[in-house]
Amino acid sequence: MTSFTITNDTAGTFQASLALPDDAQAVMDLLVSAAKWLRDKGSDQWSGLLHGEDTHNMRGSIAEGHVFLFKRDGELAGVVMLLPEASEWDRRLWGEDGHEESVYLHRLAIAREFAGRGLGRAILSWAETGVYCPGKTKIRLDCVSENKALQSFYSRMGYESKGKAAGYLLFEKELVK
């Protein structure tokens, strides 16, 4: 199961919790909705989800305790996956260095009806301070190199650019203890 411990069960005004296997369909629905929104904005990011491809194995990650939900009044507003070990994808992008001390953030998604309320910032901040994973001192993430708005968001949130690999920009931030 998970190696994470939730140390703060709120992210802004949203309730944070571990996703359970019964949440898998709602999580996948939210991710597909986010992929459609991205497509409508001209991005092919997450487009595999529109064809049933789940390159990050969300259902398996839920079962492993690596997916977290953010709700308001019982309604799913956002989701994020945190991996305590580098996936094959992460190793392909990051190479072989720095994995032991890093948590990998993937699939941060917001339900459109909750967009514009600061939930993305709250989830990212929560991932840095509201959950603990022993031995981890960094958080890493990536985004498609064409997504300038997302790159700017990560930079504003204190993430340092660590280069580019396979059409993705890499970002890293030291976790404060």
Protein backbone atom coordinates (compact mmCIF):
# COMPACT_ATOMS: atom_id res chain seq x y z
CA MET A 1 0.00 0.00 0.00
CA THR A 2 1.02 3.65 0.20
CA SER A 3 4.19 4.95 1.78
CA PHE A 4 2.56 8.37 2.13
CA THR A 5 1.08 9.82 5.30
CA ILE A 6 -1.43 12.66 5.00
CA THR A 7 -0.33 15.36 7.45
CA ASN A 8 -2.98 17.92 6.47
CA ASP A 9 -6.39 16.85 5.22
CA THR A 10 -7.25 20.19 3.63
CA ALA A 11 -5.96 21.98 0.57
CA GLY A 12 -7.29 25.48 0.77
CA THR A 13 -11.04 25.02 1.23
CA PHE A 14 -11.01 21.50 -0.21
CA GLN A 15 -10.92 18.19 1.67
CA ALA A 16 -7.90 16.01 0.80
CA SER A 17 -8.09 12.22 1.03
CA LEU A 18 -6.57 9.07 -0.36
CA ALA A 19 -8.42 7.70 -3.40
CA LEU A 20 -9.93 4.26 -2.89
CA PRO A 21 -10.62 1.60 -5.55
CA ASP A 22 -14.30 2.63 -5.60
CA ASP A 23 -13.18 6.13 -6.68
CA ALA A 24 -11.41 4.87 -9.82
CA GLN A 25 -14.25 5.55 -12.27
CA ALA A 26 -14.83 9.08 -10.97
CA VAL A 27 -11.09 9.78 -11.22
CA MET A 28 -10.95 8.45 -14.78
CA ASP A 29 -14.03 10.50 -15.72
CA LEU A 30 -12.37 13.64 -14.36
CA LEU A 31 -9.16 12.91 -16.28
CA VAL A 32 -11.02 12.26 -19.54
CA SER A 33 -12.95 15.50 -19.04
CA ALA A 34 -9.64 17.34 -18.51
CA ALA A 35 -8.21 15.71 -21.67
CA LYS A 36 -11.25 16.90 -23.67
CA TRP A 37 -10.82 20.42 -22.29
CA LEU A 38 -7.13 20.36 -23.26
CA ARG A 39 -8.02 19.11 -26.75
CA ASP A 40 -10.59 21.89 -27.16
CA LYS A 41 -7.85 24.39 -26.26
CA GLY A 42 -5.63 22.96 -29.01
CA SER A 43 -3.41 20.70 -26.90
CA ASP A 44 -2.84 17.00 -27.42
CA GLN A 45 -1.65 16.61 -23.82
CA TRP A 46 -3.34 13.58 -22.24
CA SER A 47 -4.99 12.77 -25.59
CA GLY A 48 -4.37 9.06 -25.03
CA LEU A 49 -7.03 9.16 -22.33
CA LEU A 50 -9.58 9.99 -25.03
CA HIS A 51 -8.79 6.64 -26.67
CA GLY A 52 -8.78 4.59 -23.47
CA GLU A 53 -5.00 4.71 -22.97
CA ASP A 54 -3.87 5.17 -19.39
CA THR A 55 -0.10 5.54 -19.60
CA HIS A 56 0.15 6.36 -15.89
CA ASN A 57 -1.98 3.39 -14.73
CA MET A 58 -4.30 5.44 -12.53
CA ARG A 59 -6.34 2.45 -11.40
CA GLY A 60 -3.17 0.62 -10.31
CA SER A 61 -1.87 3.78 -8.65
CA ILE A 62 -5.14 4.13 -6.74
CA ALA A 63 -4.79 0.54 -5.53
CA GLU A 64 -1.20 1.30 -4.45
CA GLY A 65 -2.28 4.39 -2.47
CA HIS A 66 -0.64 6.96 -4.74
CA VAL A 67 -3.69 8.99 -5.83
CA PHE A 68 -5.28 11.74 -3.78
CA LEU A 69 -8.69 13.36 -4.13
CA PHE A 70 -9.79 16.90 -3.37
CA LYS A 71 -13.47 17.42 -2.67
CA ARG A 72 -15.85 20.13 -1.60
CA ASP A 73 -19.19 19.14 -0.08
CA GLY A 74 -18.55 15.58 -1.24
CA GLU A 75 -18.06 16.57 -4.88
CA LEU A 76 -14.82 15.60 -6.63
CA ALA A 77 -13.01 18.81 -7.55
CA GLY A 78 -9.47 17.66 -8.26
CA VAL A 79 -7.00 14.81 -8.25
CA VAL A 80 -3.26 14.26 -8.18
CA MET A 81 -0.97 11.23 -8.36
CA LEU A 82 2.21 11.14 -6.29
CA LEU A 83 4.68 8.34 -6.93
CA PRO A 84 7.27 7.51 -4.27
CA GLU A 85 9.36 5.68 -6.88
CA ALA A 86 10.21 6.74 -10.43
CA SER A 87 8.02 5.10 -13.06
CA GLU A 88 9.38 3.93 -16.40
CA TRP A 89 8.12 7.25 -17.80
CA ASP A 90 10.03 9.23 -15.15
CA ARG A 91 13.25 7.28 -15.77
CA ARG A 92 12.93 7.91 -19.49
CA LEU A 93 12.63 11.66 -18.94
CA TRP A 94 14.93 12.12 -15.94
CA GLY A 95 17.60 9.53 -16.61
CA GLU A 96 18.95 7.46 -13.73
CA ASP A 97 19.95 10.13 -11.20
CA GLY A 98 18.13 11.55 -8.19
CA HIS A 99 15.29 9.06 -7.92
CA GLU A 100 15.90 7.89 -4.35
CA GLU A 101 15.10 11.31 -2.87
CA SER A 102 12.31 12.29 -5.28
CA VAL A 103 8.52 12.07 -5.35
CA TYR A 104 6.98 12.29 -8.84
CA LEU A 105 3.82 14.32 -9.38
CA HIS A 106 1.51 13.35 -12.25
CA ARG A 107 -2.05 13.90 -13.44
CA LEU A 108 -2.93 16.98 -11.44
CA ALA A 109 -6.41 17.69 -12.79
CA ILE A 110 -9.22 20.04 -11.81
CA ALA A 111 -12.90 19.55 -12.60
CA ARG A 112 -13.90 22.44 -14.86
CA GLU A 113 -16.66 23.60 -12.50
CA PHE A 114 -13.95 24.23 -9.88
CA ALA A 115 -11.51 25.97 -12.24
CA GLY A 116 -10.39 29.48 -11.40
CA ARG A 117 -10.73 29.00 -7.63
CA GLY A 118 -7.04 28.44 -6.84
CA LEU A 119 -7.42 24.68 -6.49
CA GLY A 120 -4.41 23.93 -8.72
CA ARG A 121 -2.19 26.06 -6.47
CA ALA A 122 -3.74 24.49 -3.37
CA ILE A 123 -3.15 20.94 -4.62
CA LEU A 124 0.43 21.66 -5.62
CA SER A 125 1.13 23.28 -2.23
CA TRP A 126 -0.58 20.37 -0.48
CA ALA A 127 1.61 17.88 -2.40
CA GLU A 128 4.63 19.72 -1.02
CA THR A 129 3.51 20.10 2.60
CA GLY A 130 0.29 18.16 3.30
CA VAL A 131 1.60 14.68 2.69
CA TYR A 132 4.79 13.04 3.89
CA CYS A 133 6.87 10.29 2.30
CA PRO A 134 9.91 9.13 4.32
CA GLY A 135 13.30 9.89 2.78
CA LYS A 136 11.97 12.17 0.04
CA THR A 137 13.47 15.65 -0.21
CA LYS A 138 12.38 16.71 -3.73
CA ILE A 139 9.29 16.75 -5.83
CA ARG A 140 9.58 16.37 -9.60
CA LEU A 141 7.11 16.91 -12.41
CA ASP A 142 7.01 17.42 -16.15
CA CYS A 143 4.83 19.10 -18.74
CA VAL A 144 4.69 19.27 -22.50
CA SER A 145 7.11 21.88 -23.77
CA GLU A 146 4.41 23.76 -25.71
CA ASN A 147 2.31 24.49 -22.61
CA LYS A 148 3.67 27.93 -21.69
CA ALA A 149 0.89 28.67 -19.18
CA LEU A 150 1.66 25.50 -17.21
CA GLN A 151 5.40 26.23 -17.31
CA SER A 152 4.75 29.71 -15.94
CA PHE A 153 2.50 28.27 -13.22
CA TYR A 154 5.18 25.83 -12.06
CA SER A 155 7.81 28.57 -12.06
CA ARG A 156 5.55 30.87 -10.01
CA MET A 157 5.07 28.02 -7.55
CA GLY A 158 8.84 27.84 -7.01
CA TYR A 159 9.72 24.93 -9.27
CA GLU A 160 13.09 25.14 -10.97
CA SER A 161 13.42 24.18 -14.62
CA LYS A 162 15.74 21.20 -14.98
CA GLY A 163 15.87 21.00 -18.75
CA LYS A 164 13.99 19.28 -21.53
CA ALA A 165 13.63 15.64 -22.53
CA ALA A 166 11.56 14.04 -25.30
CA GLY A 167 9.46 17.19 -25.79
CA TYR A 168 8.76 17.68 -22.08
CA LEU A 169 10.08 20.26 -19.67
CA LEU A 170 11.30 18.98 -16.32
CA PHE A 171 10.73 20.81 -13.03
CA GLU A 172 11.97 20.12 -9.52
CA LYS A 173 11.52 21.66 -6.09
CA GLU A 174 13.18 20.98 -2.75
CA LEU A 175 10.68 19.94 -0.10
CA VAL A 176 10.78 22.01 3.08
CA LYS A 177 10.81 19.97 6.26
